[in-house]
């Protein structure tokens, strides 16, 4: 099975440092795949052919949230095999742009501290990304 390249934005709430740092978590919409349907994820998406990770992340956040982010350093990559497809997800630390985003492609969002992240029902690949946060 071919592995799809995916990028994820680990967006840190502006102005927060240390224990007060909060991360943006997005709840997926319903899907034909029950193992990712309505689960939590870091926003992002597929990298298109000829596109850099940075370009893909900026494009995906604009498409899904009508928002700009500043892409920072790479946090890490996980490979995960779901029953119907395989992904290689690379996470990047990001800062939010100006204004507020819109829920164009998600059911809900939450800003959570690192300790609160473990309480969500994540997609399996995104749960593995938590090791880098």
N, C-alpha and C. Protein backbone atom coordinates (compact mmCIF):
# COMPACT_ATOMS: atom_id res chain seq x y z
N UNK A 1 0.85 -1.18 0.00
CA UNK A 1 0.00 0.00 0.00
C UNK A 1 0.90 1.25 0.00
N UNK A 2 0.60 2.18 -0.90
CA UNK A 2 1.38 3.41 -0.98
C UNK A 2 1.11 4.30 0.23
N UNK A 3 2.17 4.92 0.72
CA UNK A 3 2.08 5.78 1.91
C UNK A 3 1.88 7.23 1.46
N UNK A 4 0.83 7.88 1.94
CA UNK A 4 0.52 9.27 1.61
C UNK A 4 1.28 10.20 2.55
N UNK A 5 1.94 11.21 1.97
CA UNK A 5 2.62 12.22 2.78
C UNK A 5 1.62 13.25 3.28
N UNK A 6 1.64 13.47 4.58
CA UNK A 6 0.73 14.40 5.23
C UNK A 6 1.53 15.32 6.13
N UNK A 7 1.08 16.58 6.25
CA UNK A 7 1.70 17.52 7.17
C UNK A 7 0.67 17.95 8.22
N UNK A 8 1.16 18.22 9.42
CA UNK A 8 0.28 18.62 10.52
C UNK A 8 0.87 19.85 11.21
N UNK A 9 0.00 20.80 11.54
CA UNK A 9 0.41 22.02 12.23
C UNK A 9 0.12 21.87 13.72
N UNK A 10 1.18 21.88 14.50
CA UNK A 10 1.03 21.92 15.96
C UNK A 10 1.08 23.40 16.32
N UNK A 11 -0.10 24.01 16.41
CA UNK A 11 -0.21 25.45 16.57
C UNK A 11 -0.24 25.80 18.06
N UNK A 12 0.69 26.66 18.45
CA UNK A 12 0.82 27.08 19.84
C UNK A 12 0.13 28.42 20.00
N UNK A 13 -0.68 28.54 21.05
CA UNK A 13 -1.39 29.79 21.31
C UNK A 13 -0.42 30.93 21.50
N UNK A 14 -0.64 32.00 20.79
CA UNK A 14 0.25 33.16 20.80
C UNK A 14 0.37 33.75 22.19
N UNK A 15 1.61 34.07 22.55
CA UNK A 15 1.85 34.74 23.82
C UNK A 15 1.98 33.81 25.01
N UNK A 16 1.83 32.51 24.83
CA UNK A 16 1.92 31.56 25.93
C UNK A 16 3.29 30.91 25.96
N UNK A 17 3.80 30.69 27.15
CA UNK A 17 5.08 29.99 27.30
C UNK A 17 5.00 29.06 28.50
N UNK A 18 5.92 28.12 28.56
CA UNK A 18 6.01 27.23 29.71
C UNK A 18 4.76 26.41 29.93
N UNK A 19 4.36 26.27 31.20
CA UNK A 19 3.20 25.45 31.57
C UNK A 19 1.90 25.96 30.97
N UNK A 20 1.83 27.24 30.63
CA UNK A 20 0.60 27.82 30.10
C UNK A 20 0.41 27.64 28.61
N UNK A 21 1.36 27.02 27.94
CA UNK A 21 1.27 26.83 26.49
C UNK A 21 0.03 26.00 26.15
N UNK A 22 -0.71 26.47 25.15
CA UNK A 22 -1.88 25.72 24.69
C UNK A 22 -1.74 25.40 23.22
N UNK A 23 -2.28 24.23 22.85
CA UNK A 23 -2.18 23.69 21.50
C UNK A 23 -3.56 23.60 20.88
N UNK A 24 -3.66 23.92 19.59
CA UNK A 24 -4.93 23.87 18.88
C UNK A 24 -5.21 22.45 18.40
N UNK A 25 -6.34 21.92 18.82
CA UNK A 25 -6.79 20.57 18.45
C UNK A 25 -8.10 20.71 17.68
N UNK A 26 -8.21 19.97 16.58
CA UNK A 26 -9.39 20.04 15.73
C UNK A 26 -10.10 18.69 15.70
N UNK A 27 -11.44 18.74 15.75
CA UNK A 27 -12.22 17.50 15.66
C UNK A 27 -12.69 17.29 14.23
N UNK A 28 -12.30 16.15 13.67
CA UNK A 28 -12.63 15.82 12.29
C UNK A 28 -14.14 15.66 12.10
N UNK A 29 -14.58 15.85 10.86
CA UNK A 29 -15.97 15.57 10.51
C UNK A 29 -16.17 14.06 10.39
N UNK A 30 -17.40 13.66 10.14
CA UNK A 30 -17.69 12.24 9.93
C UNK A 30 -16.98 11.75 8.68
N UNK A 31 -16.60 10.50 8.71
CA UNK A 31 -15.85 9.91 7.61
C UNK A 31 -16.37 8.51 7.34
N UNK A 32 -16.08 8.01 6.16
CA UNK A 32 -16.45 6.63 5.86
C UNK A 32 -15.57 5.65 6.63
N UNK A 33 -14.48 6.15 7.18
CA UNK A 33 -13.59 5.31 7.99
C UNK A 33 -13.88 5.56 9.47
N UNK A 34 -14.48 4.63 10.14
CA UNK A 34 -14.87 4.85 11.55
C UNK A 34 -13.69 5.12 12.48
N UNK A 35 -12.51 4.64 12.13
CA UNK A 35 -11.35 4.80 13.00
C UNK A 35 -10.73 6.20 12.94
N UNK A 36 -11.22 7.07 12.05
CA UNK A 36 -10.79 8.48 12.06
C UNK A 36 -11.98 9.43 12.16
N UNK A 37 -13.19 8.91 12.00
CA UNK A 37 -14.40 9.72 12.01
C UNK A 37 -14.60 10.41 13.36
N UNK A 38 -14.76 11.73 13.32
CA UNK A 38 -15.04 12.54 14.50
C UNK A 38 -13.97 12.43 15.59
N UNK A 39 -12.77 12.04 15.21
CA UNK A 39 -11.65 11.99 16.15
C UNK A 39 -10.88 13.31 16.08
N UNK A 40 -10.01 13.51 17.03
CA UNK A 40 -9.23 14.74 17.11
C UNK A 40 -7.92 14.61 16.34
N UNK A 41 -7.46 15.76 15.83
CA UNK A 41 -6.23 15.79 15.06
C UNK A 41 -5.61 17.18 15.16
N UNK A 42 -4.35 17.26 14.73
CA UNK A 42 -3.74 18.55 14.49
C UNK A 42 -4.10 18.91 13.06
N UNK A 43 -4.43 20.18 12.78
CA UNK A 43 -4.85 20.52 11.42
C UNK A 43 -3.73 20.35 10.40
N UNK A 44 -4.11 20.09 9.17
CA UNK A 44 -3.15 19.90 8.09
C UNK A 44 -3.77 19.07 6.99
N UNK A 45 -2.93 18.39 6.23
CA UNK A 45 -3.45 17.56 5.15
C UNK A 45 -2.37 17.03 4.24
N UNK A 46 -2.81 16.52 3.09
CA UNK A 46 -1.92 15.85 2.14
C UNK A 46 -0.98 16.84 1.45
N UNK A 47 0.22 16.37 1.21
CA UNK A 47 1.20 17.12 0.43
C UNK A 47 1.01 16.74 -1.04
N UNK A 48 0.75 17.73 -1.88
CA UNK A 48 0.54 17.46 -3.30
C UNK A 48 1.88 17.35 -4.02
N UNK A 49 1.86 16.69 -5.17
CA UNK A 49 3.09 16.50 -5.95
C UNK A 49 3.71 17.85 -6.30
N UNK A 50 5.03 17.96 -6.09
CA UNK A 50 5.75 19.18 -6.40
C UNK A 50 5.67 20.24 -5.32
N UNK A 51 4.99 19.94 -4.23
CA UNK A 51 4.78 20.90 -3.16
C UNK A 51 5.72 20.59 -1.98
N UNK A 52 6.27 21.61 -1.36
CA UNK A 52 7.07 21.41 -0.15
C UNK A 52 6.13 21.22 1.04
N UNK A 53 6.66 20.69 2.13
CA UNK A 53 5.85 20.54 3.34
C UNK A 53 5.31 21.89 3.78
N UNK A 54 6.16 22.89 3.76
CA UNK A 54 5.77 24.24 4.17
C UNK A 54 4.61 24.76 3.31
N UNK A 55 4.74 24.64 2.00
CA UNK A 55 3.68 25.10 1.09
C UNK A 55 2.38 24.35 1.33
N UNK A 56 2.48 23.04 1.54
CA UNK A 56 1.28 22.23 1.78
C UNK A 56 0.58 22.64 3.07
N UNK A 57 1.36 22.89 4.11
CA UNK A 57 0.77 23.25 5.39
C UNK A 57 0.06 24.60 5.32
N UNK A 58 0.70 25.57 4.71
CA UNK A 58 0.07 26.89 4.55
C UNK A 58 -1.21 26.77 3.72
N UNK A 59 -1.16 26.01 2.62
CA UNK A 59 -2.34 25.83 1.75
C UNK A 59 -3.47 25.13 2.49
N UNK A 60 -3.15 24.04 3.17
CA UNK A 60 -4.18 23.26 3.87
C UNK A 60 -4.87 24.08 4.96
N UNK A 61 -4.12 24.85 5.72
CA UNK A 61 -4.72 25.66 6.79
C UNK A 61 -5.61 26.75 6.18
N UNK A 62 -5.18 27.32 5.08
CA UNK A 62 -6.03 28.31 4.40
C UNK A 62 -7.32 27.66 3.89
N UNK A 63 -7.21 26.47 3.29
CA UNK A 63 -8.39 25.80 2.74
C UNK A 63 -9.34 25.33 3.83
N UNK A 64 -8.81 24.76 4.91
CA UNK A 64 -9.65 24.17 5.96
C UNK A 64 -10.13 25.18 6.99
N UNK A 65 -9.39 26.29 7.15
CA UNK A 65 -9.68 27.19 8.27
C UNK A 65 -9.71 28.67 7.88
N UNK A 66 -9.42 28.99 6.61
CA UNK A 66 -9.35 30.37 6.15
C UNK A 66 -8.48 31.20 7.09
N UNK A 67 -7.25 30.70 7.29
CA UNK A 67 -6.36 31.28 8.30
C UNK A 67 -4.92 31.13 7.83
N UNK A 68 -4.10 32.03 8.27
CA UNK A 68 -2.67 31.94 7.97
C UNK A 68 -1.92 31.49 9.21
N UNK A 69 -0.92 30.66 9.02
CA UNK A 69 -0.04 30.26 10.11
C UNK A 69 1.40 30.50 9.69
N UNK A 70 2.25 30.65 10.68
CA UNK A 70 3.68 30.78 10.45
C UNK A 70 4.30 29.44 10.80
N UNK A 71 4.87 28.78 9.80
CA UNK A 71 5.42 27.44 9.96
C UNK A 71 6.83 27.53 10.51
N UNK A 72 7.05 26.85 11.63
CA UNK A 72 8.34 26.84 12.28
C UNK A 72 9.06 25.52 12.09
N UNK A 73 9.81 25.10 13.09
CA UNK A 73 10.64 23.91 12.95
C UNK A 73 9.85 22.60 12.90
N UNK A 74 10.46 21.63 12.24
CA UNK A 74 9.90 20.28 12.18
C UNK A 74 10.01 19.65 13.57
N UNK A 75 8.92 19.03 14.01
CA UNK A 75 8.91 18.35 15.30
C UNK A 75 9.23 16.87 15.18
N UNK A 76 8.74 16.24 14.11
CA UNK A 76 8.99 14.82 13.91
C UNK A 76 8.00 14.22 12.93
N UNK A 77 8.27 12.97 12.56
CA UNK A 77 7.44 12.25 11.58
C UNK A 77 7.04 10.90 12.14
N UNK A 78 5.79 10.51 11.88
CA UNK A 78 5.34 9.16 12.22
C UNK A 78 4.75 8.51 10.97
N UNK A 79 4.99 7.22 10.84
CA UNK A 79 4.36 6.42 9.79
C UNK A 79 3.31 5.57 10.45
N UNK A 80 2.11 5.55 9.85
CA UNK A 80 1.03 4.78 10.44
C UNK A 80 0.24 4.07 9.36
N UNK A 81 -0.07 2.79 9.61
CA UNK A 81 -0.87 2.00 8.68
C UNK A 81 -2.27 1.80 9.25
N UNK A 82 -3.24 2.48 8.63
CA UNK A 82 -4.64 2.26 8.95
C UNK A 82 -5.11 1.06 8.14
N UNK A 83 -6.29 0.53 8.43
CA UNK A 83 -6.76 -0.64 7.67
C UNK A 83 -6.90 -0.39 6.16
N UNK A 84 -7.23 0.85 5.77
CA UNK A 84 -7.51 1.13 4.36
C UNK A 84 -6.48 2.02 3.67
N UNK A 85 -5.56 2.60 4.40
CA UNK A 85 -4.54 3.47 3.82
C UNK A 85 -3.39 3.65 4.80
N UNK A 86 -2.27 4.15 4.27
CA UNK A 86 -1.08 4.39 5.10
C UNK A 86 -0.66 5.83 4.94
N UNK A 87 -0.17 6.42 6.05
CA UNK A 87 0.27 7.81 6.02
C UNK A 87 1.65 7.96 6.65
N UNK A 88 2.34 8.97 6.18
CA UNK A 88 3.56 9.43 6.81
C UNK A 88 3.28 10.89 7.18
N UNK A 89 3.11 11.16 8.48
CA UNK A 89 2.70 12.47 8.95
C UNK A 89 3.89 13.20 9.58
N UNK A 90 4.19 14.37 9.05
CA UNK A 90 5.26 15.20 9.61
C UNK A 90 4.63 16.41 10.28
N UNK A 91 4.96 16.62 11.55
CA UNK A 91 4.41 17.72 12.32
C UNK A 91 5.41 18.87 12.38
N UNK A 92 4.87 20.09 12.32
CA UNK A 92 5.66 21.31 12.42
C UNK A 92 5.07 22.20 13.50
N UNK A 93 5.95 22.80 14.28
CA UNK A 93 5.51 23.77 15.27
C UNK A 93 5.12 25.04 14.53
N UNK A 94 3.94 25.57 14.81
CA UNK A 94 3.44 26.73 14.09
C UNK A 94 2.90 27.78 15.06
N UNK A 95 2.91 29.02 14.59
CA UNK A 95 2.31 30.11 15.34
C UNK A 95 1.12 30.61 14.52
N UNK A 96 0.05 31.02 15.21
CA UNK A 96 -1.13 31.51 14.49
C UNK A 96 -0.89 32.87 13.86
N UNK A 97 -1.59 33.10 12.77
CA UNK A 97 -1.57 34.42 12.14
C UNK A 97 -2.56 35.33 12.83
N UNK A 98 -2.83 36.45 12.21
CA UNK A 98 -3.77 37.43 12.78
C UNK A 98 -5.21 36.95 12.62
N UNK A 99 -6.07 37.43 13.49
CA UNK A 99 -7.49 37.13 13.40
C UNK A 99 -7.82 35.74 13.89
N UNK A 100 -9.06 35.37 13.66
CA UNK A 100 -9.57 34.08 14.12
C UNK A 100 -9.83 33.19 12.91
N UNK A 101 -9.65 31.89 13.10
CA UNK A 101 -9.91 30.94 12.03
C UNK A 101 -11.40 30.61 11.97
N UNK A 102 -11.79 29.91 10.91
CA UNK A 102 -13.17 29.47 10.72
C UNK A 102 -13.20 27.95 10.69
N UNK A 103 -14.27 27.37 11.18
CA UNK A 103 -14.46 25.91 11.12
C UNK A 103 -15.10 25.56 9.78
N UNK A 104 -14.28 25.44 8.75
CA UNK A 104 -14.78 25.11 7.41
C UNK A 104 -14.78 23.61 7.15
N UNK A 105 -13.92 22.88 7.87
CA UNK A 105 -13.72 21.46 7.57
C UNK A 105 -13.65 20.60 8.83
N UNK A 106 -14.05 21.16 9.97
CA UNK A 106 -13.99 20.44 11.24
C UNK A 106 -15.28 20.68 12.04
N UNK A 107 -15.56 19.77 12.98
CA UNK A 107 -16.74 19.90 13.82
C UNK A 107 -16.55 20.83 15.00
N UNK A 108 -15.33 20.84 15.55
CA UNK A 108 -15.07 21.62 16.76
C UNK A 108 -13.57 21.84 16.90
N UNK A 109 -13.22 22.68 17.85
CA UNK A 109 -11.81 22.90 18.17
C UNK A 109 -11.67 23.11 19.67
N UNK A 110 -10.46 22.91 20.16
CA UNK A 110 -10.14 23.17 21.56
C UNK A 110 -8.69 23.62 21.66
N UNK A 111 -8.44 24.56 22.55
CA UNK A 111 -7.07 24.95 22.91
C UNK A 111 -6.77 24.25 24.22
N UNK A 112 -5.79 23.36 24.23
CA UNK A 112 -5.51 22.56 25.42
C UNK A 112 -4.03 22.61 25.81
N UNK A 113 -3.77 22.45 27.11
CA UNK A 113 -2.39 22.34 27.58
C UNK A 113 -1.87 20.95 27.24
N UNK A 114 -0.58 20.78 27.35
CA UNK A 114 0.04 19.48 27.04
C UNK A 114 -0.59 18.37 27.87
N UNK A 115 -0.84 18.61 29.13
CA UNK A 115 -1.41 17.58 30.00
C UNK A 115 -2.83 17.20 29.60
N UNK A 116 -3.56 18.12 29.00
CA UNK A 116 -4.94 17.84 28.60
C UNK A 116 -5.04 17.09 27.27
N UNK A 117 -3.99 17.12 26.47
CA UNK A 117 -4.03 16.50 25.14
C UNK A 117 -4.31 14.99 25.20
N UNK A 118 -3.79 14.33 26.21
CA UNK A 118 -3.95 12.88 26.31
C UNK A 118 -5.40 12.45 26.52
N UNK A 119 -6.26 13.37 26.94
CA UNK A 119 -7.65 13.03 27.25
C UNK A 119 -8.54 12.95 26.02
N UNK A 120 -8.08 13.44 24.87
CA UNK A 120 -8.90 13.42 23.66
C UNK A 120 -8.84 12.07 22.95
N UNK A 121 -9.86 11.79 22.17
CA UNK A 121 -9.89 10.59 21.33
C UNK A 121 -9.30 10.96 19.97
N UNK A 122 -7.99 10.82 19.84
CA UNK A 122 -7.24 11.21 18.67
C UNK A 122 -7.33 10.15 17.56
N UNK A 123 -7.06 10.59 16.33
CA UNK A 123 -6.77 9.60 15.29
C UNK A 123 -5.48 8.91 15.73
N UNK A 124 -5.27 7.69 15.32
CA UNK A 124 -4.10 6.93 15.78
C UNK A 124 -2.78 7.60 15.40
N UNK A 125 -2.69 8.12 14.18
CA UNK A 125 -1.45 8.76 13.74
C UNK A 125 -1.18 10.03 14.55
N UNK A 126 -2.21 10.83 14.78
CA UNK A 126 -2.03 12.05 15.55
C UNK A 126 -1.69 11.75 17.01
N UNK A 127 -2.24 10.69 17.55
CA UNK A 127 -1.88 10.31 18.92
C UNK A 127 -0.37 10.05 19.01
N UNK A 128 0.19 9.44 17.98
CA UNK A 128 1.64 9.18 17.98
C UNK A 128 2.44 10.47 17.86
N UNK A 129 1.85 11.52 17.27
CA UNK A 129 2.54 12.80 17.17
C UNK A 129 2.71 13.47 18.54
N UNK A 130 1.90 13.08 19.50
CA UNK A 130 1.98 13.70 20.83
C UNK A 130 3.35 13.52 21.48
N UNK A 131 4.08 12.52 21.07
CA UNK A 131 5.43 12.32 21.63
C UNK A 131 6.37 13.48 21.30
N UNK A 132 6.05 14.27 20.28
CA UNK A 132 6.89 15.38 19.87
C UNK A 132 6.48 16.72 20.48
N UNK A 133 5.35 16.73 21.15
CA UNK A 133 4.80 17.97 21.71
C UNK A 133 5.27 18.17 23.13
